[in-house]
């Protein structure tokens, strides 16, 4: 009797193992390691120039370029070129900086409590050797800030958040693009 119980236990363990293995295999079937656009990781390089700031808001170009460079380094599809020899050149301009109230103080309906801040940029990515335009479009970054007594400090602290949101959206256009 002990011998048949051991065989039954092994059969049950084997069936469960096969079932769990197939379940995990099916669940991960769509997952892909590395770049999703078909190129090998690090086979091409990207150069990010400072964006031209066409707004009245100062100090926006530096966080935007820094966030884009960091995003490309972190993602790994492209190598970051800093010596002017990138396969892809990313340039752009910061078109608009907008701040709109989205909520107001409970006792004072004229005083904003929170603002929606948007950064509208135009991004252009061009292959250096062929001149082929890979990306040429507007990208909008957003964040929310609290309307404190020192609104300029809140906006200054929001600049890196806007830049990170922009970098995430802009890098996705270039990395996952169908060009």
C-alpha atoms as a PDB file:
ATOM      1  CA  UNK A   1       0.000   0.000   0.000  1.00  0.00           C
ATOM      2  CA  UNK A   2       2.836   2.427   0.781  1.00  0.00           C
ATOM      3  CA  UNK A   3       4.372   1.796  -2.590  1.00  0.00           C
ATOM      4  CA  UNK A   4       1.171   2.674  -4.539  1.00  0.00           C
ATOM      5  CA  UNK A   5       0.671   5.831  -2.409  1.00  0.00           C
ATOM      6  CA  UNK A   6       4.181   7.018  -3.350  1.00  0.00           C
ATOM      7  CA  UNK A   7       3.481   6.443  -7.042  1.00  0.00           C
ATOM      8  CA  UNK A   8       0.181   8.324  -6.790  1.00  0.00           C
ATOM      9  CA  UNK A   9       1.909  11.210  -4.996  1.00  0.00           C
ATOM     10  CA  UNK A  10       4.606  11.383  -7.694  1.00  0.00           C
ATOM     11  CA  UNK A  11       1.977  11.399 -10.426  1.00  0.00           C
ATOM     12  CA  UNK A  12       0.076  14.219  -8.699  1.00  0.00           C
ATOM     13  CA  UNK A  13       3.305  16.242  -8.239  1.00  0.00           C
ATOM     14  CA  UNK A  14       4.217  15.670 -11.906  1.00  0.00           C
ATOM     15  CA  UNK A  15       0.781  16.766 -13.135  1.00  0.00           C
ATOM     16  CA  UNK A  16       0.838  19.878 -10.945  1.00  0.00           C
ATOM     17  CA  UNK A  17       4.372  20.734 -12.114  1.00  0.00           C
ATOM     18  CA  UNK A  18       3.411  20.393 -15.776  1.00  0.00           C
ATOM     19  CA  UNK A  19       0.258  22.436 -15.214  1.00  0.00           C
ATOM     20  CA  UNK A  20       2.108  25.256 -13.410  1.00  0.00           C
ATOM     21  CA  UNK A  21       4.925  25.219 -15.954  1.00  0.00           C
ATOM     22  CA  UNK A  22       2.515  25.571 -18.860  1.00  0.00           C
ATOM     23  CA  UNK A  23       0.578  28.274 -17.007  1.00  0.00           C
ATOM     24  CA  UNK A  24       3.768  30.315 -16.456  1.00  0.00           C
ATOM     25  CA  UNK A  25       4.878  29.728 -20.056  1.00  0.00           C
ATOM     26  CA  UNK A  26       1.566  30.956 -21.453  1.00  0.00           C
ATOM     27  CA  UNK A  27       1.501  33.948 -19.109  1.00  0.00           C
ATOM     28  CA  UNK A  28       4.939  35.123 -20.214  1.00  0.00           C
ATOM     29  CA  UNK A  29       4.508  34.381 -23.925  1.00  0.00           C
ATOM     30  CA  UNK A  30       4.108  38.039 -24.903  1.00  0.00           C
ATOM     31  CA  UNK A  31       6.987  39.333 -22.805  1.00  0.00           C
ATOM     32  CA  UNK A  32      10.104  40.431 -24.645  1.00  0.00           C
ATOM     33  CA  UNK A  33      13.486  41.209 -23.154  1.00  0.00           C
ATOM     34  CA  UNK A  34      15.459  44.107 -24.597  1.00  0.00           C
ATOM     35  CA  UNK A  35      14.405  46.628 -27.225  1.00  0.00           C
ATOM     36  CA  UNK A  36      10.951  46.258 -28.717  1.00  0.00           C
ATOM     37  CA  UNK A  37      11.652  47.899 -32.075  1.00  0.00           C
ATOM     38  CA  UNK A  38      13.750  45.068 -33.530  1.00  0.00           C
ATOM     39  CA  UNK A  39      17.199  46.648 -33.146  1.00  0.00           C
ATOM     40  CA  UNK A  40      19.902  45.227 -30.912  1.00  0.00           C
ATOM     41  CA  UNK A  41      20.429  47.045 -27.615  1.00  0.00           C
ATOM     42  CA  UNK A  42      23.149  49.665 -27.904  1.00  0.00           C
ATOM     43  CA  UNK A  43      23.649  49.179 -31.651  1.00  0.00           C
ATOM     44  CA  UNK A  44      22.755  52.801 -32.361  1.00  0.00           C
ATOM     45  CA  UNK A  45      23.582  55.992 -30.523  1.00  0.00           C
ATOM     46  CA  UNK A  46      21.505  59.062 -29.780  1.00  0.00           C
ATOM     47  CA  UNK A  47      22.577  62.631 -29.195  1.00  0.00           C
ATOM     48  CA  UNK A  48      20.272  64.991 -27.296  1.00  0.00           C
ATOM     49  CA  UNK A  49      20.758  68.714 -27.845  1.00  0.00           C
ATOM     50  CA  UNK A  50      19.479  71.462 -25.559  1.00  0.00           C
ATOM     51  CA  UNK A  51      15.944  72.420 -26.491  1.00  0.00           C
ATOM     52  CA  UNK A  52      15.268  76.012 -27.538  1.00  0.00           C
ATOM     53  CA  UNK A  53      13.083  77.656 -24.888  1.00  0.00           C
ATOM     54  CA  UNK A  54      10.428  79.827 -26.583  1.00  0.00           C
ATOM     55  CA  UNK A  55       8.533  80.521 -23.348  1.00  0.00           C
ATOM     56  CA  UNK A  56       8.866  83.216 -20.716  1.00  0.00           C
ATOM     57  CA  UNK A  57       9.588  80.554 -18.086  1.00  0.00           C
ATOM     58  CA  UNK A  58      13.351  80.367 -17.444  1.00  0.00           C
ATOM     59  CA  UNK A  59      15.477  77.281 -16.816  1.00  0.00           C
ATOM     60  CA  UNK A  60      13.437  74.667 -18.677  1.00  0.00           C
ATOM     61  CA  UNK A  61      15.938  73.530 -21.329  1.00  0.00           C
ATOM     62  CA  UNK A  62      18.441  71.977 -18.933  1.00  0.00           C
ATOM     63  CA  UNK A  63      16.057  69.663 -17.030  1.00  0.00           C
ATOM     64  CA  UNK A  64      14.440  68.572 -20.310  1.00  0.00           C
ATOM     65  CA  UNK A  65      17.771  67.624 -21.923  1.00  0.00           C
ATOM     66  CA  UNK A  66      19.023  65.992 -18.726  1.00  0.00           C
ATOM     67  CA  UNK A  67      15.867  63.888 -18.322  1.00  0.00           C
ATOM     68  CA  UNK A  68      15.931  62.799 -21.966  1.00  0.00           C
ATOM     69  CA  UNK A  69      19.579  61.759 -21.707  1.00  0.00           C
ATOM     70  CA  UNK A  70      18.936  59.902 -18.468  1.00  0.00           C
ATOM     71  CA  UNK A  71      15.924  58.125 -19.957  1.00  0.00           C
ATOM     72  CA  UNK A  72      17.885  56.942 -23.009  1.00  0.00           C
ATOM     73  CA  UNK A  73      20.721  55.702 -20.785  1.00  0.00           C
ATOM     74  CA  UNK A  74      18.321  53.932 -18.460  1.00  0.00           C
ATOM     75  CA  UNK A  75      16.282  52.298 -21.222  1.00  0.00           C
ATOM     76  CA  UNK A  76      19.307  50.869 -23.066  1.00  0.00           C
ATOM     77  CA  UNK A  77      18.080  50.707 -26.662  1.00  0.00           C
ATOM     78  CA  UNK A  78      20.393  53.545 -27.678  1.00  0.00           C
ATOM     79  CA  UNK A  79      23.860  54.446 -26.456  1.00  0.00           C
ATOM     80  CA  UNK A  80      24.164  58.069 -25.407  1.00  0.00           C
ATOM     81  CA  UNK A  81      26.537  60.061 -27.611  1.00  0.00           C
ATOM     82  CA  UNK A  82      27.946  63.230 -26.092  1.00  0.00           C
ATOM     83  CA  UNK A  83      30.675  64.027 -28.599  1.00  0.00           C
ATOM     84  CA  UNK A  84      28.473  65.030 -31.532  1.00  0.00           C
ATOM     85  CA  UNK A  85      28.662  61.659 -33.271  1.00  0.00           C
ATOM     86  CA  UNK A  86      25.253  60.161 -32.506  1.00  0.00           C
ATOM     87  CA  UNK A  87      23.470  58.094 -35.144  1.00  0.00           C
ATOM     88  CA  UNK A  88      20.241  59.876 -34.214  1.00  0.00           C
ATOM     89  CA  UNK A  89      20.092  63.568 -33.318  1.00  0.00           C
ATOM     90  CA  UNK A  90      17.252  64.691 -31.060  1.00  0.00           C
ATOM     91  CA  UNK A  91      16.454  68.399 -31.110  1.00  0.00           C
ATOM     92  CA  UNK A  92      13.434  70.365 -30.121  1.00  0.00           C
ATOM     93  CA  UNK A  93      11.862  73.505 -28.845  1.00  0.00           C
ATOM     94  CA  UNK A  94       9.769  74.254 -25.799  1.00  0.00           C
ATOM     95  CA  UNK A  95       6.713  75.936 -27.293  1.00  0.00           C
ATOM     96  CA  UNK A  96       4.433  76.638 -24.334  1.00  0.00           C
ATOM     97  CA  UNK A  97       4.391  76.507 -20.565  1.00  0.00           C
ATOM     98  CA  UNK A  98       0.812  76.552 -19.293  1.00  0.00           C
ATOM     99  CA  UNK A  99      -0.613  76.630 -15.782  1.00  0.00           C
ATOM    100  CA  UNK A 100      -4.359  76.217 -15.224  1.00  0.00           C
ATOM    101  CA  UNK A 101      -6.182  75.967 -11.904  1.00  0.00           C
ATOM    102  CA  UNK A 102      -7.911  72.639 -11.356  1.00  0.00           C
ATOM    103  CA  UNK A 103      -9.226  72.986  -7.800  1.00  0.00           C
ATOM    104  CA  UNK A 104     -10.028  75.898  -5.501  1.00  0.00           C
ATOM    105  CA  UNK A 105      -9.964  76.666  -1.784  1.00  0.00           C
ATOM    106  CA  UNK A 106     -13.071  75.507   0.062  1.00  0.00           C
ATOM    107  CA  UNK A 107     -13.897  78.900   1.557  1.00  0.00           C
ATOM    108  CA  UNK A 108     -12.587  81.035  -1.313  1.00  0.00           C
ATOM    109  CA  UNK A 109     -13.638  80.028  -4.814  1.00  0.00           C
ATOM    110  CA  UNK A 110     -11.315  82.572  -6.405  1.00  0.00           C
ATOM    111  CA  UNK A 111      -8.081  81.187  -4.897  1.00  0.00           C
ATOM    112  CA  UNK A 112      -6.697  78.096  -6.656  1.00  0.00           C
ATOM    113  CA  UNK A 113      -5.523  75.206  -4.524  1.00  0.00           C
ATOM    114  CA  UNK A 114      -3.997  73.024  -7.271  1.00  0.00           C
ATOM    115  CA  UNK A 115      -2.726  73.740 -10.761  1.00  0.00           C
ATOM    116  CA  UNK A 116      -2.303  71.558 -13.824  1.00  0.00           C
ATOM    117  CA  UNK A 117       1.042  72.480 -15.391  1.00  0.00           C
ATOM    118  CA  UNK A 118       1.710  71.544 -19.030  1.00  0.00           C
ATOM    119  CA  UNK A 119       4.876  71.754 -21.073  1.00  0.00           C
ATOM    120  CA  UNK A 120       4.279  71.663 -24.828  1.00  0.00           C
ATOM    121  CA  UNK A 121       7.385  70.801 -26.815  1.00  0.00           C
ATOM    122  CA  UNK A 122       8.142  70.016 -30.412  1.00  0.00           C
ATOM    123  CA  UNK A 123      10.530  67.093 -30.805  1.00  0.00           C
ATOM    124  CA  UNK A 124      12.478  66.183 -33.900  1.00  0.00           C
ATOM    125  CA  UNK A 125      14.718  63.119 -34.272  1.00  0.00           C
ATOM    126  CA  UNK A 126      16.790  62.761 -37.431  1.00  0.00           C
ATOM    127  CA  UNK A 127      19.238  60.072 -38.588  1.00  0.00           C
ATOM    128  CA  UNK A 128      22.599  61.756 -39.007  1.00  0.00           C
ATOM    129  CA  UNK A 129      23.780  59.842 -42.077  1.00  0.00           C
ATOM    130  CA  UNK A 130      20.604  59.713 -44.171  1.00  0.00           C
ATOM    131  CA  UNK A 131      18.736  62.766 -42.915  1.00  0.00           C
ATOM    132  CA  UNK A 132      15.629  60.618 -42.475  1.00  0.00           C
ATOM    133  CA  UNK A 133      13.185  62.179 -40.018  1.00  0.00           C
ATOM    134  CA  UNK A 134      12.236  59.595 -37.396  1.00  0.00           C
ATOM    135  CA  UNK A 135      10.074  61.760 -35.130  1.00  0.00           C
ATOM    136  CA  UNK A 136       8.658  65.223 -35.809  1.00  0.00           C
ATOM    137  CA  UNK A 137       5.756  66.057 -33.530  1.00  0.00           C
ATOM    138  CA  UNK A 138       4.516  67.878 -30.462  1.00  0.00           C
ATOM    139  CA  UNK A 139       4.680  66.169 -27.075  1.00  0.00           C
ATOM    140  CA  UNK A 140       2.806  67.403 -24.008  1.00  0.00           C
ATOM    141  CA  UNK A 141       4.088  66.754 -20.500  1.00  0.00           C
ATOM    142  CA  UNK A 142       1.895  67.280 -17.422  1.00  0.00           C
ATOM    143  CA  UNK A 143       2.144  67.485 -13.672  1.00  0.00           C
ATOM    144  CA  UNK A 144       0.101  68.884 -10.808  1.00  0.00           C
ATOM    145  CA  UNK A 145       1.362  71.421  -8.281  1.00  0.00           C
ATOM    146  CA  UNK A 146      -0.168  72.891  -5.175  1.00  0.00           C
ATOM    147  CA  UNK A 147      -0.969  76.581  -5.199  1.00  0.00           C
ATOM    148  CA  UNK A 148       1.048  77.769  -2.229  1.00  0.00           C
ATOM    149  CA  UNK A 149       1.945  81.311  -1.245  1.00  0.00           C
ATOM    150  CA  UNK A 150       5.233  80.807  -3.137  1.00  0.00           C
ATOM    151  CA  UNK A 151       3.995  79.657  -6.531  1.00  0.00           C
ATOM    152  CA  UNK A 152       7.320  80.300  -8.279  1.00  0.00           C
ATOM    153  CA  UNK A 153       9.086  77.839  -5.938  1.00  0.00           C
ATOM    154  CA  UNK A 154       6.397  75.235  -6.583  1.00  0.00           C
ATOM    155  CA  UNK A 155       6.857  75.706 -10.338  1.00  0.00           C
ATOM    156  CA  UNK A 156      10.633  75.436 -10.000  1.00  0.00           C
ATOM    157  CA  UNK A 157      10.226  72.160  -8.103  1.00  0.00           C
ATOM    158  CA  UNK A 158       7.811  70.905 -10.752  1.00  0.00           C
ATOM    159  CA  UNK A 159      10.257  71.450 -13.639  1.00  0.00           C
ATOM    160  CA  UNK A 160      12.065  68.093 -13.139  1.00  0.00           C
ATOM    161  CA  UNK A 161       8.705  66.291 -12.923  1.00  0.00           C
ATOM    162  CA  UNK A 162       7.593  67.866 -16.195  1.00  0.00           C
ATOM    163  CA  UNK A 163      10.933  66.999 -17.767  1.00  0.00           C
ATOM    164  CA  UNK A 164      10.676  63.365 -16.628  1.00  0.00           C
ATOM    165  CA  UNK A 165       7.150  63.035 -18.032  1.00  0.00           C
ATOM    166  CA  UNK A 166       8.312  64.559 -21.306  1.00  0.00           C
ATOM    167  CA  UNK A 167      11.345  62.253 -21.443  1.00  0.00           C
ATOM    168  CA  UNK A 168       9.166  59.197 -20.897  1.00  0.00           C
ATOM    169  CA  UNK A 169       6.782  60.155 -23.706  1.00  0.00           C
ATOM    170  CA  UNK A 170       9.445  61.397 -26.146  1.00  0.00           C
ATOM    171  CA  UNK A 171      11.777  58.433 -25.686  1.00  0.00           C
ATOM    172  CA  UNK A 172       8.876  56.042 -26.234  1.00  0.00           C
ATOM    173  CA  UNK A 173       8.204  57.694 -29.605  1.00  0.00           C
ATOM    174  CA  UNK A 174      11.779  57.072 -30.704  1.00  0.00           C
ATOM    175  CA  UNK A 175      12.318  53.679 -29.076  1.00  0.00           C
ATOM    176  CA  UNK A 176       8.989  52.073 -29.971  1.00  0.00           C
ATOM    177  CA  UNK A 177       8.459  53.964 -33.224  1.00  0.00           C
ATOM    178  CA  UNK A 178       7.631  52.195 -36.456  1.00  0.00           C
ATOM    179  CA  UNK A 179      10.139  54.163 -38.503  1.00  0.00           C
END
